[in-house]
Amino acid sequence: MLAEIRGRSQVTIPADIIKKLGISEGDKFDITEKDGGIFLCPVVVYPKNKIAKIAKLVKDAEQETSKQTAFESIEEMFADMGIDA
């Protein structure tokens, strides 16, 4: 597909690509140049305070997981629970 640069360095992305990728107005892209090509990669941008909250949730979940016991078998798990299998 061909596209051309318009005023203010704008390029129109063909509609079938927009539909296929689920892109909509206002979406953000990381733009890179490599080996003479221009590459667009859709990205999601979150505010720093939201990322900090997510990081805390992940850290708390990791700490909770590390406290849990891993069992080698169902019988071992049942025994730990006081269940006679």
Protein backbone atom coordinates (compact mmCIF):
# COMPACT_ATOMS: atom_id res chain seq x y z
CA MET A 1 0.00 0.00 0.00
CA LEU A 2 1.19 3.47 -0.77
CA ALA A 3 0.74 6.50 1.43
CA GLU A 4 2.10 10.00 1.12
CA ILE A 5 3.32 12.61 3.54
CA ARG A 6 0.85 15.47 3.86
CA GLY A 7 1.12 18.83 5.54
CA ARG A 8 2.60 18.84 9.03
CA SER A 9 4.30 15.46 8.32
CA GLN A 10 1.02 13.52 8.55
CA VAL A 11 0.46 10.09 6.98
CA THR A 12 -2.90 8.33 6.65
CA ILE A 13 -2.86 4.68 7.74
CA PRO A 14 -5.09 2.57 5.44
CA ALA A 15 -8.53 1.76 6.90
CA ASP A 16 -8.12 -2.04 6.66
CA ILE A 17 -4.99 -1.86 8.85
CA ILE A 18 -6.78 0.41 11.33
CA LYS A 19 -9.68 -2.07 11.57
CA LYS A 20 -7.42 -5.13 11.78
CA LEU A 21 -5.41 -3.66 14.67
CA GLY A 22 -8.40 -2.08 16.44
CA ILE A 23 -6.79 1.36 16.34
CA SER A 24 -8.93 4.41 17.05
CA GLU A 25 -8.50 8.17 17.15
CA GLY A 26 -6.30 9.27 20.04
CA ASP A 27 -4.32 6.02 20.27
CA LYS A 28 -0.59 6.49 20.85
CA PHE A 29 2.37 4.94 19.01
CA ASP A 30 6.06 4.41 19.60
CA ILE A 31 7.78 5.50 16.37
CA THR A 32 11.24 4.19 15.53
CA GLU A 33 13.54 4.30 12.53
CA LYS A 34 15.63 1.29 11.62
CA ASP A 35 17.56 0.47 8.48
CA GLY A 36 15.80 3.21 6.52
CA GLY A 37 12.30 2.11 7.58
CA ILE A 38 9.78 3.81 9.86
CA PHE A 39 8.00 1.56 12.35
CA LEU A 40 4.85 2.35 14.35
CA CYS A 41 4.00 0.28 17.42
CA PRO A 42 0.73 0.92 19.31
CA VAL A 43 1.33 1.60 23.01
CA VAL A 44 -0.73 2.31 26.11
CA VAL A 45 0.39 5.17 28.33
CA TYR A 46 -0.47 5.16 32.05
CA PRO A 47 0.06 8.02 34.52
CA LYS A 48 2.97 7.49 36.94
CA ASN A 49 0.69 7.30 39.99
CA LYS A 50 -1.28 4.43 38.39
CA ILE A 51 1.93 2.55 37.57
CA ALA A 52 3.09 2.98 41.19
CA LYS A 53 -0.20 1.47 42.44
CA ILE A 54 0.11 -1.45 40.01
CA ALA A 55 3.75 -2.02 41.06
CA LYS A 56 2.68 -2.11 44.74
CA LEU A 57 -0.08 -4.64 43.97
CA VAL A 58 2.41 -6.87 42.14
CA LYS A 59 4.96 -6.62 44.97
CA ASP A 60 2.31 -7.45 47.59
CA ALA A 61 1.08 -10.41 45.52
CA GLU A 62 4.64 -11.72 45.13
CA GLN A 63 5.17 -11.51 48.90
CA GLU A 64 1.92 -13.40 49.55
CA THR A 65 2.86 -16.07 47.01
CA SER A 66 6.28 -16.59 48.56
CA LYS A 67 4.60 -17.38 51.91
CA GLN A 68 2.55 -20.22 50.41
CA THR A 69 3.64 -23.82 50.53
CA ALA A 70 4.32 -25.74 47.35
CA PHE A 71 3.37 -29.42 47.57
CA GLU A 72 4.89 -32.30 45.63
CA SER A 73 1.60 -34.23 45.49
CA ILE A 74 -2.09 -33.99 46.28
CA GLU A 75 -1.60 -36.48 49.10
CA GLU A 76 1.03 -34.20 50.67
CA MET A 77 -1.35 -31.23 50.38
CA PHE A 78 -4.22 -33.21 51.95
CA ALA A 79 -1.93 -34.36 54.78
CA ASP A 80 -0.96 -30.75 55.47
CA MET A 81 -4.67 -29.88 55.63
CA GLY A 82 -5.32 -32.74 58.04
CA ILE A 83 -7.29 -34.75 55.49
CA ASP A 84 -6.70 -38.51 55.41
CA ALA A 85 -6.65 -39.47 51.74
